[in-house]
Amino acid sequence: MRTQLLLPALALGISAALAQPAIQWENTYGGPDDEAAHAALRTTDGGYLLVGHTTSEGGQVTGQHGNEDLWAVKTDANGALLWQRALGSEASEGGLAVTLTSDGGYLIAGTADDPGGDVGNVIGDGDVWLVKLDASGTIVWENTYGGTSYDEPRAMVETAGGYVVAAYTESDNGQVTGYSGSGDLWMFGVSGTGTLLWQLALGGTDTDEPFGMAATMDGGVIVAGASKSNNGTLTQNFGGEDAWLVKLSAAGALQWQQVYGHTGDERAMDVVQRADGGFAFAAATNSQGGPVSQHFGNYDYWLVRVNPNGTLQGQSSFGGSGDDIPRALVHTSDGGYALAGYTASDNQHVTAPLGGFDQWVVKTDAGGVMQWQRTLGGSDDDEAFALEQTPDGGYIVAGLTNSDDQHVQLGRGGIDFWAVKLGPDVVSVAELDGGPMAMAVHPQPARDHARLHFTLDTPAPVRYLLIDAAGRTVLDRSAGTLPAGTHQLPLDLSALESGRYQLWLHAGDHRAGQAVVVVR
């Protein structure tokens, strides 16, 4: 048997058997009362930032202002606490979304009810609160947005002109114009210093709301949510809530919107764009029929793939007889997908239930076929809200736990932030030997230089391209025709800005892709 290059790799053109990944580390964060992490990301130093809320004063929580504060926790690469910040006033604040900023800091989107403490001003009963932190967690600026009724952020991305926020609004005044009633999707863009640039309310006379969002190759955004309306900007409803995709341009103009579902309820919770320009979204569904080909009981994970204009291409359902609700979706480096949320099931696709709600991670191939699944948690309730693939091919899963047993080694009191690092997908050497090509990039993250490692089973002409977040080709090289065997090619990244790029390797008729993170 030929020895294959055992790196975080992706094999193309094979149906590899993937084993359930191992837990590399897990950690809880909190105080004697309750905390819940609703967003998380990998930071440029290889650590993680978790964002949510806390009601504690004590334990790991210091500087609490009263009632409920927005809480940010910074860890190292192994999950050890580096610093924490409780942000807010004597009223209630919470963090719901976070993004890295180009200067190495963070922008957090949360909610604020009253002025005081860190909150300079409020507009209504509940505002979208943006807080810009530097890399050490110091507030750079903060601002509130909305009208006199309730406004809540659900997702946020950085764009070339600043930031775009997807929010839910019940306001029809203040900064919100075009409100249709009963709760709308409210999109707005701000500059790098928080100045409101544009806003757009979308929906009908029933409830319409966002849950996830991603930046798109053309500089715009794609929003995933749920709609009950069939009027206003909505022209169709299949019954109950429908999964809802909304595509906006870089300037905030509506380009298209589409609903998906059947006679039950569907909620699109997160969305990603594929390299071919199409999209995939993760939804919760309790329907059977129409585009929902399988139903396992109550709510299921529903993975849906659409083309660049939103036309349905394929779908898959996963779950058991209880409720299975996805919250996060990633497009993995092997072209497949990983979903995370929670499960209350103990049968069908769900094996090894641990008690109460469990965090549930599902990995599929590019066609939506399940490759592995695993439950995480203890005997009480555990839920995942955030998922990201790490450069080693593993995953960081973050959310909350009310457990202190099984996978959860330390309960700190009440409900805690909980982060779990899973190792890479395990692919057998025999399976890799059967494929035409495997590849990996090292180091990750990279600065000025990296190396592309790959293996060819047959001689082939080789070309590689690097694509930035806006879909622009920033590197295009031909390596000529290379013989079968293992190869290394240098990648000169010195001219690139910090950010996430997509590397595509073409070898004859085969293609493989992997994310490349550049830090400065």
Protein backbone atom coordinates (compact mmCIF):
# COMPACT_ATOMS: atom_id res chain seq x y z
CA MET A 1 0.00 0.00 0.00
CA ARG A 2 1.37 3.40 -0.94
CA THR A 3 1.79 5.75 2.05
CA GLN A 4 -0.42 8.81 1.69
CA LEU A 5 0.33 12.27 3.00
CA LEU A 6 -1.44 12.30 6.38
CA LEU A 7 -2.34 15.98 6.74
CA PRO A 8 -5.65 17.78 7.25
CA ALA A 9 -6.64 16.92 3.71
CA LEU A 10 -9.56 16.59 1.41
CA ALA A 11 -9.90 13.73 -1.01
CA LEU A 12 -11.75 14.33 -4.24
CA GLY A 13 -13.75 11.86 -6.27
CA ILE A 14 -14.11 9.24 -3.51
CA SER A 15 -16.77 8.19 -1.08
CA ALA A 16 -14.58 8.17 2.05
CA ALA A 17 -15.72 6.56 5.27
CA LEU A 18 -15.33 9.18 7.99
CA ALA A 19 -15.16 8.22 11.64
CA GLN A 20 -16.66 10.28 14.44
CA PRO A 21 -14.04 12.86 15.55
CA ALA A 22 -12.60 12.85 19.06
CA ILE A 23 -12.99 15.59 21.67
CA GLN A 24 -9.57 17.26 21.91
CA TRP A 25 -10.57 19.60 24.74
CA GLU A 26 -13.63 21.17 26.34
CA ASN A 27 -14.08 23.97 28.84
CA THR A 28 -16.82 25.80 30.69
CA TYR A 29 -16.86 29.51 31.50
CA GLY A 30 -19.04 31.39 33.95
CA GLY A 31 -20.01 32.22 37.49
CA PRO A 32 -22.51 31.01 40.07
CA ASP A 33 -25.59 32.01 38.04
CA ASP A 34 -26.42 31.65 34.33
CA GLU A 35 -24.44 32.26 31.14
CA ALA A 36 -25.15 31.30 27.52
CA ALA A 37 -22.82 31.70 24.53
CA HIS A 38 -24.71 32.59 21.34
CA ALA A 39 -21.76 33.30 19.02
CA ALA A 40 -18.11 32.31 18.72
CA LEU A 41 -15.25 32.68 16.29
CA ARG A 42 -11.62 31.72 15.87
CA THR A 43 -9.29 34.69 16.44
CA THR A 44 -6.16 35.61 14.50
CA ASP A 45 -3.88 34.38 17.30
CA GLY A 46 -5.35 30.89 17.09
CA GLY A 47 -7.61 31.29 20.12
CA TYR A 48 -11.35 31.86 20.33
CA LEU A 49 -13.83 34.58 21.30
CA LEU A 50 -17.18 33.53 22.78
CA VAL A 51 -20.02 36.04 23.13
CA GLY A 52 -23.34 35.81 24.96
CA HIS A 53 -24.77 36.97 28.28
CA THR A 54 -24.20 36.52 32.00
CA THR A 55 -26.27 37.07 35.13
CA SER A 56 -23.35 36.19 37.43
CA GLU A 57 -21.04 38.28 39.56
CA GLY A 58 -18.26 36.05 40.74
CA GLY A 59 -16.43 32.98 39.52
CA GLN A 60 -14.86 33.99 36.22
CA VAL A 61 -17.20 36.96 35.79
CA THR A 62 -15.90 40.33 36.99
CA GLY A 63 -17.21 43.84 36.37
CA GLN A 64 -20.87 42.86 36.08
CA HIS A 65 -23.13 45.94 35.93
CA GLY A 66 -26.35 44.38 37.17
CA ASN A 67 -29.21 42.18 35.97
CA GLU A 68 -27.91 40.67 32.70
CA ASP A 69 -24.75 41.81 30.89
CA LEU A 70 -23.28 41.12 27.48
CA TRP A 71 -20.30 38.83 28.20
CA ALA A 72 -17.25 38.30 25.98
CA VAL A 73 -14.70 35.57 26.76
CA LYS A 74 -11.31 35.32 25.05
CA THR A 75 -9.41 32.01 25.18
CA ASP A 76 -6.15 30.63 23.88
CA ALA A 77 -5.97 27.81 21.33
CA ASN A 78 -6.53 25.21 24.05
CA GLY A 79 -9.57 26.91 25.57
CA ALA A 80 -7.83 28.50 28.58
CA LEU A 81 -9.37 31.82 29.64
CA LEU A 82 -7.21 34.83 28.72
CA TRP A 83 -9.63 37.66 29.48
CA GLN A 84 -13.32 38.39 29.91
CA ARG A 85 -15.43 41.53 29.66
CA ALA A 86 -18.89 42.12 31.14
CA LEU A 87 -20.46 44.97 29.17
CA GLY A 88 -23.69 46.80 29.85
CA SER A 89 -25.74 48.86 32.26
CA GLU A 90 -27.96 48.12 35.27
CA ALA A 91 -30.64 46.84 32.84
CA SER A 92 -30.39 43.83 30.48
CA GLU A 93 -27.87 43.38 27.68
CA GLY A 94 -26.78 40.34 25.70
CA GLY A 95 -24.48 39.42 22.82
CA LEU A 96 -25.91 37.59 19.79
CA ALA A 97 -23.34 37.94 16.99
CA VAL A 98 -19.66 38.75 16.57
CA THR A 99 -17.23 39.32 13.72
CA LEU A 100 -13.49 39.89 13.43
CA THR A 101 -12.52 43.37 12.30
CA SER A 102 -9.73 44.19 9.85
CA ASP A 103 -7.70 45.92 12.58
CA GLY A 104 -7.50 42.76 14.67
CA GLY A 105 -10.36 43.65 17.02
CA TYR A 106 -13.97 42.52 17.30
CA LEU A 107 -17.42 43.92 16.65
CA ILE A 108 -20.19 42.49 18.82
CA ALA A 109 -23.90 42.87 18.04
CA GLY A 110 -26.18 42.64 21.03
CA THR A 111 -29.18 44.21 22.69
CA ALA A 112 -29.51 47.10 25.14
CA ASP A 113 -32.57 48.31 27.08
CA ASP A 114 -31.43 51.37 29.06
CA PRO A 115 -28.57 53.89 29.07
CA GLY A 116 -25.86 53.86 31.70
CA GLY A 117 -22.60 52.09 32.28
CA ASP A 118 -21.19 51.13 28.87
CA VAL A 119 -24.43 52.04 27.05
CA GLY A 120 -24.38 55.66 25.93
CA ASN A 121 -27.89 55.99 24.54
CA VAL A 122 -31.04 54.01 23.75
CA ILE A 123 -33.78 54.76 21.25
CA GLY A 124 -36.64 52.51 22.37
CA ASP A 125 -37.75 49.47 24.36
CA GLY A 126 -34.84 47.39 23.11
CA ASP A 127 -32.17 48.43 20.64
CA VAL A 128 -29.52 46.79 18.51
CA TRP A 129 -26.27 47.56 20.35
CA LEU A 130 -22.97 47.45 18.47
CA VAL A 131 -19.79 47.39 20.56
CA LYS A 132 -16.36 47.65 18.92
CA LEU A 133 -13.54 46.12 20.98
CA ASP A 134 -9.82 46.19 20.31
CA ALA A 135 -7.77 42.99 20.46
CA SER A 136 -7.43 43.25 24.26
CA GLY A 137 -11.17 43.76 24.84
CA THR A 138 -11.19 47.52 25.42
CA ILE A 139 -14.23 49.40 24.05
CA VAL A 140 -13.32 51.52 21.01
CA TRP A 141 -16.87 52.71 20.28
CA GLU A 142 -20.48 51.69 20.88
CA ASN A 143 -23.78 52.76 19.39
CA THR A 144 -27.45 51.78 19.37
CA TYR A 145 -29.82 51.41 16.40
CA GLY A 146 -33.56 50.96 15.94
CA GLY A 147 -36.88 52.58 16.74
CA THR A 148 -39.10 52.98 19.80
CA SER A 149 -40.24 49.32 19.85
CA TYR A 150 -38.13 46.18 20.11
CA ASP A 151 -35.12 45.61 17.82
CA GLU A 152 -32.73 42.65 18.08
CA PRO A 153 -29.68 41.68 15.98
CA ARG A 154 -29.41 38.12 14.72
CA ALA A 155 -26.30 38.10 12.47
CA MET A 156 -23.51 40.39 11.28
CA VAL A 157 -20.68 40.38 8.71
CA GLU A 158 -17.84 42.74 7.85
CA THR A 159 -17.90 44.13 4.30
CA ALA A 160 -15.66 46.40 2.25
CA GLY A 161 -17.58 49.47 3.42
CA GLY A 162 -18.01 48.56 7.08
CA TYR A 163 -20.51 46.10 8.56
CA VAL A 164 -23.95 44.74 7.69
CA VAL A 165 -26.39 43.68 10.41
CA ALA A 166 -29.43 41.44 9.99
CA ALA A 167 -31.94 42.23 12.74
CA TYR A 168 -35.51 41.61 13.80
CA THR A 169 -37.62 44.72 14.35
CA GLU A 170 -41.03 45.59 15.72
CA SER A 171 -40.42 49.33 15.19
CA ASP A 172 -41.99 51.58 12.59
CA ASN A 173 -40.13 54.78 13.42
CA GLY A 174 -36.74 56.09 14.45
CA GLN A 175 -34.17 54.63 12.09
CA VAL A 176 -36.59 51.98 10.79
CA THR A 177 -38.58 52.88 7.67
CA GLY A 178 -40.72 50.60 5.49
CA TYR A 179 -42.05 48.46 8.35
CA SER A 180 -44.90 46.13 7.28
CA GLY A 181 -46.16 44.86 10.65
CA SER A 182 -45.97 42.00 13.20
CA GLY A 183 -42.17 41.88 13.06
CA ASP A 184 -39.90 42.36 10.04
CA LEU A 185 -36.43 41.58 8.85
CA TRP A 186 -34.42 44.79 9.29
CA MET A 187 -31.16 45.11 7.38
CA PHE A 188 -28.76 47.98 7.90
CA GLY A 189 -25.18 48.90 7.11
CA VAL A 190 -22.79 50.94 9.22
CA SER A 191 -19.36 52.44 8.59
CA GLY A 192 -16.23 51.27 10.35
CA THR A 193 -16.94 53.76 13.12
CA GLY A 194 -20.62 52.89 13.50
CA THR A 195 -22.33 55.57 11.38
CA LEU A 196 -25.60 54.31 9.89
CA LEU A 197 -25.22 54.15 6.09
CA TRP A 198 -28.45 52.51 4.90
CA GLN A 199 -31.39 50.49 6.13
CA LEU A 200 -34.06 48.26 4.60
CA ALA A 201 -37.11 46.63 6.23
CA LEU A 202 -38.45 43.52 4.49
CA GLY A 203 -41.53 41.42 5.20
CA GLY A 204 -45.31 41.40 5.21
CA THR A 205 -48.11 41.76 7.71
CA ASP A 206 -47.20 38.56 9.57
CA THR A 207 -43.93 37.74 11.37
CA ASP A 208 -40.78 37.64 9.22
CA GLU A 209 -37.35 37.38 10.82
CA PRO A 210 -33.68 36.56 10.16
CA PHE A 211 -31.47 34.04 11.94
CA GLY A 212 -28.23 33.78 9.94
CA MET A 213 -26.25 35.63 7.28
CA ALA A 214 -23.11 35.27 5.15
CA ALA A 215 -21.07 37.61 2.97
CA THR A 216 -21.22 36.75 -0.73
CA MET A 217 -18.60 36.73 -3.46
CA ASP A 218 -20.09 39.82 -5.13
CA GLY A 219 -19.70 41.95 -2.00
CA GLY A 220 -23.32 41.57 -0.92
CA VAL A 221 -24.95 39.34 1.68
CA ILE A 222 -27.30 36.35 1.84
CA VAL A 223 -29.73 36.15 4.78
CA ALA A 224 -31.43 33.03 6.17
CA GLY A 225 -34.64 33.35 8.14
CA ALA A 226 -38.30 32.47 8.40
CA SER A 227 -41.45 34.06 7.01
CA LYS A 228 -45.15 33.71 7.76
CA SER A 229 -46.30 36.40 5.31
CA ASN A 230 -47.60 36.17 1.77
CA ASN A 231 -47.82 39.91 1.12
CA GLY A 232 -45.55 42.94 1.28
CA THR A 233 -42.19 41.82 -0.09
CA LEU A 234 -43.30 38.16 0.22
CA THR A 235 -45.41 36.69 -2.59
CA GLN A 236 -45.81 33.09 -1.43
CA ASN A 237 -46.34 31.04 1.72
CA PHE A 238 -46.60 27.24 1.88
CA GLY A 239 -48.15 27.15 5.37
CA GLY A 240 -47.00 28.18 8.83
CA GLU A 241 -43.42 29.41 8.77
CA ASP A 242 -41.36 28.99 5.61
CA ALA A 243 -37.60 28.97 5.32
CA TRP A 244 -36.61 32.28 3.74
CA LEU A 245 -33.51 33.39 1.80
CA VAL A 246 -32.91 37.05 0.99
CA LYS A 247 -30.08 38.23 -1.30
CA LEU A 248 -28.90 41.85 -1.04
CA SER A 249 -26.32 43.75 -3.08
CA ALA A 250 -23.30 45.49 -1.57
CA ALA A 251 -25.37 48.70 -1.45
CA GLY A 252 -28.21 47.03 0.43
CA ALA A 253 -30.61 46.64 -2.49
CA LEU A 254 -32.90 43.59 -2.63
CA GLN A 255 -31.80 41.33 -5.50
CA TRP A 256 -34.02 38.30 -4.86
CA GLN A 257 -35.86 36.45 -2.14
CA GLN A 258 -37.26 32.94 -2.02
CA VAL A 259 -39.21 30.78 0.43
CA TYR A 260 -38.96 27.00 0.89
CA GLY A 261 -41.07 24.48 2.75
CA HIS A 262 -44.33 22.61 2.96
CA THR A 263 -47.48 22.77 5.08
CA GLY A 264 -45.67 22.63 8.43
CA ASP A 265 -43.04 25.01 9.76
CA GLU A 266 -39.54 25.63 8.42
CA ARG A 267 -36.94 28.06 9.81
CA ALA A 268 -33.67 28.68 7.95
CA MET A 269 -31.12 29.18 10.73
CA ASP A 270 -27.81 29.66 8.88
CA VAL A 271 -26.50 29.94 5.33
CA VAL A 272 -23.21 29.59 3.44
CA GLN A 273 -22.09 30.27 -0.13
CA ARG A 274 -20.37 27.57 -2.16
CA ALA A 275 -17.43 28.13 -4.47
CA ASP A 276 -19.69 27.63 -7.50
CA GLY A 277 -21.79 30.63 -6.43
CA GLY A 278 -24.69 28.61 -5.08
CA PHE A 279 -25.82 28.48 -1.46
CA ALA A 280 -26.71 25.97 1.22
CA PHE A 281 -28.80 26.61 4.31
CA ALA A 282 -29.59 24.71 7.48
CA ALA A 283 -33.20 24.81 8.64
CA ALA A 284 -35.50 23.24 11.20
CA THR A 285 -38.54 21.53 9.66
CA ASN A 286 -41.52 19.56 10.94
CA SER A 287 -43.05 19.04 7.48
CA GLN A 288 -43.43 15.89 5.44
CA GLY A 289 -44.00 16.34 1.73
CA GLY A 290 -43.27 18.87 -0.98
CA PRO A 291 -39.52 19.53 -1.04
CA VAL A 292 -39.11 17.85 2.39
CA SER A 293 -38.56 14.24 1.35
CA GLN A 294 -38.05 12.73 4.81
CA HIS A 295 -39.46 13.40 8.27
CA PHE A 296 -38.27 11.60 11.40
CA GLY A 297 -40.48 13.21 14.06
CA ASN A 298 -41.19 16.67 15.48
CA TYR A 299 -38.46 18.99 14.12
CA ASP A 300 -35.54 17.72 12.02
CA TYR A 301 -32.31 19.20 10.74
CA TRP A 302 -32.94 20.14 7.09
CA LEU A 303 -29.97 20.81 4.79
CA VAL A 304 -30.95 22.51 1.52
CA ARG A 305 -28.79 23.36 -1.49
CA VAL A 306 -29.81 26.03 -4.03
CA ASN A 307 -28.24 27.60 -7.12
CA PRO A 308 -26.98 31.24 -7.27
CA ASN A 309 -30.55 32.46 -7.94
CA GLY A 310 -32.14 30.47 -5.13
CA THR A 311 -33.55 27.56 -7.18
CA LEU A 312 -33.71 24.32 -5.18
CA GLN A 313 -31.03 21.78 -6.13
CA GLY A 314 -31.11 19.18 -3.35
CA GLN A 315 -32.04 18.57 0.27
CA SER A 316 -31.54 16.11 3.14
CA SER A 317 -33.12 15.63 6.57
CA PHE A 318 -31.54 14.30 9.75
CA GLY A 319 -32.98 13.54 13.16
CA GLY A 320 -35.01 11.28 15.39
CA SER A 321 -38.44 11.23 16.97
CA GLY A 322 -37.77 14.26 19.21
CA ASP A 323 -36.90 17.84 18.37
CA ASP A 324 -33.66 18.35 16.41
CA ILE A 325 -32.90 22.04 15.84
CA PRO A 326 -29.82 23.25 13.89
CA ARG A 327 -28.34 26.62 14.75
CA ALA A 328 -25.09 26.80 12.74
CA LEU A 329 -23.78 25.61 9.37
CA VAL A 330 -20.28 25.56 7.86
CA HIS A 331 -19.11 24.63 4.38
CA THR A 332 -16.23 22.30 5.16
CA SER A 333 -12.83 22.16 3.47
CA ASP A 334 -13.70 18.87 1.71
CA GLY A 335 -16.71 20.46 0.00
CA GLY A 336 -19.24 19.02 2.44
CA TYR A 337 -21.18 20.55 5.32
CA ALA A 338 -21.27 20.44 9.10
CA LEU A 339 -24.34 21.41 11.14
CA ALA A 340 -24.61 22.00 14.89
CA GLY A 341 -27.53 22.65 17.22
CA TYR A 342 -29.30 20.42 19.67
CA THR A 343 -31.23 17.16 19.74
CA ALA A 344 -33.89 15.78 22.07
CA SER A 345 -33.98 12.48 20.16
CA ASP A 346 -32.61 9.07 21.11
CA ASN A 347 -33.21 7.10 17.93
CA GLN A 348 -32.97 7.16 14.11
CA HIS A 349 -29.85 9.22 13.23
CA VAL A 350 -29.14 10.16 16.85
CA THR A 351 -26.93 7.63 18.60
CA ALA A 352 -25.48 7.76 22.13
CA PRO A 353 -27.93 10.26 23.67
CA LEU A 354 -26.55 11.69 26.91
CA GLY A 355 -29.65 13.08 28.65
CA GLY A 356 -31.81 16.19 28.32
CA PHE A 357 -30.98 18.19 25.21
CA ASP A 358 -27.59 17.30 23.69
CA GLN A 359 -25.41 19.33 21.41
CA TRP A 360 -25.59 17.53 18.07
CA VAL A 361 -23.06 17.84 15.24
CA VAL A 362 -23.77 16.31 11.82
CA LYS A 363 -21.20 16.07 9.00
CA THR A 364 -22.23 15.41 5.38
CA ASP A 365 -20.53 15.13 2.03
CA ALA A 366 -21.11 17.65 -0.77
CA GLY A 367 -24.35 15.89 -1.76
CA GLY A 368 -25.83 16.05 1.73
CA VAL A 369 -25.19 12.40 2.62
CA MET A 370 -24.39 11.96 6.32
CA GLN A 371 -20.79 10.91 7.01
CA TRP A 372 -20.84 11.08 10.80
CA GLN A 373 -22.79 12.51 13.72
CA ARG A 374 -22.09 12.85 17.41
CA THR A 375 -23.79 14.06 20.56
CA LEU A 376 -21.97 16.25 23.08
CA GLY A 377 -22.93 17.08 26.65
CA GLY A 378 -24.02 15.53 29.92
CA SER A 379 -27.16 14.38 31.68
CA ASP A 380 -28.80 17.84 31.66
CA ASP A 381 -29.44 20.30 28.79
CA ASP A 382 -26.64 21.23 26.38
CA GLU A 383 -27.14 23.32 23.23
CA ALA A 384 -24.83 24.51 20.42
CA PHE A 385 -25.23 27.94 18.85
CA ALA A 386 -21.91 28.35 17.01
CA LEU A 387 -19.73 26.12 14.83
CA GLU A 388 -16.53 26.82 12.93
CA GLN A 389 -14.05 24.57 11.17
CA THR A 390 -10.50 24.98 12.42
CA PRO A 391 -7.34 24.95 10.25
CA ASP A 392 -6.45 21.42 11.37
CA GLY A 393 -9.70 20.16 9.86
CA GLY A 394 -11.43 19.91 13.24
CA TYR A 395 -14.25 22.00 14.67
CA ILE A 396 -14.96 24.40 17.53
CA VAL A 397 -18.49 24.03 18.90
CA ALA A 398 -19.82 26.61 21.37
CA GLY A 399 -23.04 27.15 23.26
CA LEU A 400 -24.32 26.39 26.72
CA THR A 401 -24.39 23.56 29.23
CA ASN A 402 -26.38 22.88 32.35
CA SER A 403 -24.48 19.62 32.90
CA ASP A 404 -21.52 18.73 35.08
CA ASP A 405 -20.90 15.12 34.05
CA GLN A 406 -20.01 12.91 31.05
CA HIS A 407 -18.36 15.25 28.49
CA VAL A 408 -18.67 18.29 30.79
CA GLN A 409 -15.88 18.04 33.34
CA LEU A 410 -16.66 21.18 35.36
CA GLY A 411 -19.99 22.86 36.01
CA ARG A 412 -19.40 26.34 37.44
CA GLY A 413 -22.96 26.98 38.65
CA GLY A 414 -26.27 27.34 36.84
CA ILE A 415 -25.89 27.38 33.06
CA ASP A 416 -22.38 27.98 31.65
CA PHE A 417 -20.71 28.93 28.40
CA TRP A 418 -19.35 25.68 26.94
CA ALA A 419 -16.77 25.26 24.15
CA VAL A 420 -15.73 21.91 22.67
CA LYS A 421 -12.83 21.36 20.28
CA LEU A 422 -13.33 18.35 18.03
CA GLY A 423 -10.43 16.81 16.14
CA PRO A 424 -10.30 16.44 12.36
CA ASP A 425 -12.49 14.03 10.43
CA VAL A 426 -10.76 10.66 10.52
CA VAL A 427 -10.24 9.17 7.05
CA SER A 428 -8.55 5.79 6.70
CA VAL A 429 -5.35 5.51 4.65
CA ALA A 430 -7.03 2.86 2.51
CA GLU A 431 -9.82 5.26 1.61
CA LEU A 432 -7.35 8.01 0.71
CA ASP A 433 -5.35 5.58 -1.43
CA GLY A 434 -8.46 5.03 -3.53
CA GLY A 435 -8.79 8.68 -4.49
CA PRO A 436 -7.06 10.65 -7.25
CA MET A 437 -5.87 13.60 -5.13
CA ALA A 438 -5.46 14.83 -1.55
CA MET A 439 -4.27 18.28 -0.47
CA ALA A 440 -3.49 20.49 2.51
CA VAL A 441 -2.00 23.92 3.25
CA HIS A 442 0.53 24.58 6.02
CA PRO A 443 0.94 26.55 8.20
CA GLN A 444 -2.58 27.67 9.09
CA PRO A 445 -3.10 30.55 9.76
CA ALA A 446 -0.35 31.81 7.46
CA ARG A 447 1.48 35.12 7.24
CA ASP A 448 3.72 35.83 4.24
CA HIS A 449 4.34 32.28 3.05
CA ALA A 450 2.73 28.85 3.12
CA ARG A 451 3.15 25.57 1.31
CA LEU A 452 0.59 23.62 -0.67
CA HIS A 453 0.99 19.85 -0.12
CA PHE A 454 -0.82 17.47 -2.42
CA THR A 455 -0.68 13.95 -3.81
CA LEU A 456 -1.42 12.82 -7.37
CA ASP A 457 -2.25 9.22 -8.23
CA THR A 458 -1.61 9.86 -11.93
CA PRO A 459 0.39 12.51 -13.86
CA ALA A 460 -1.64 15.66 -14.47
CA PRO A 461 -1.32 19.36 -15.41
CA VAL A 462 -1.58 21.36 -12.17
CA ARG A 463 -2.92 24.87 -11.62
CA TYR A 464 -3.85 26.61 -8.37
CA LEU A 465 -5.87 29.76 -7.66
CA LEU A 466 -6.54 31.83 -4.55
CA ILE A 467 -9.92 33.61 -4.30
CA ASP A 468 -10.68 36.40 -1.81
CA ALA A 469 -13.95 36.92 0.09
CA ALA A 470 -15.30 39.15 -2.68
CA GLY A 471 -14.76 36.42 -5.29
CA ARG A 472 -11.68 38.02 -6.88
CA THR A 473 -8.76 35.89 -8.04
CA VAL A 474 -5.68 37.18 -6.20
CA LEU A 475 -3.27 34.39 -7.17
CA ASP A 476 -3.26 32.20 -10.31
CA ARG A 477 -0.31 29.91 -11.00
CA SER A 478 0.44 26.95 -13.27
CA ALA A 479 2.88 24.29 -12.09
CA GLY A 480 2.97 22.46 -15.42
CA THR A 481 2.42 18.72 -15.75
CA LEU A 482 3.56 16.88 -12.63
CA PRO A 483 4.17 13.15 -12.15
CA ALA A 484 2.26 10.91 -9.76
CA GLY A 485 3.39 11.22 -6.15
CA THR A 486 3.57 13.84 -3.41
CA HIS A 487 4.38 17.46 -4.19
CA GLN A 488 4.91 20.77 -2.41
CA LEU A 489 4.42 24.18 -3.97
CA PRO A 490 5.23 27.54 -2.30
CA LEU A 491 2.45 30.09 -1.79
CA ASP A 492 3.54 33.73 -1.68
CA LEU A 493 0.94 35.51 0.49
CA SER A 494 2.98 38.62 1.29
CA ALA A 495 0.82 40.94 -0.82
CA LEU A 496 -2.47 39.80 0.73
CA GLU A 497 -4.42 41.46 3.52
CA SER A 498 -5.60 39.61 6.62
CA GLY A 499 -8.65 37.52 5.88
CA ARG A 500 -10.08 34.21 4.76
CA TYR A 501 -9.34 33.03 1.21
CA GLN A 502 -10.32 29.95 -0.81
CA LEU A 503 -7.56 27.97 -2.49
CA TRP A 504 -8.54 25.81 -5.48
CA LEU A 505 -6.20 23.15 -6.85
CA HIS A 506 -6.88 21.85 -10.37
CA ALA A 507 -5.15 18.64 -11.47
CA GLY A 508 -6.38 17.42 -14.82
CA ASP A 509 -10.12 16.82 -14.50
CA HIS A 510 -10.03 16.92 -10.71
CA ARG A 511 -10.46 19.89 -8.38
CA ALA A 512 -10.05 20.29 -4.61
CA GLY A 513 -10.47 23.34 -2.38
CA GLN A 514 -9.48 24.50 1.07
CA ALA A 515 -9.85 27.67 3.12
CA VAL A 516 -6.65 29.63 3.78
CA VAL A 517 -6.51 32.15 6.63
CA VAL A 518 -3.97 34.98 6.32
CA VAL A 519 -3.04 37.03 9.39
CA ARG A 520 -0.90 40.14 9.70
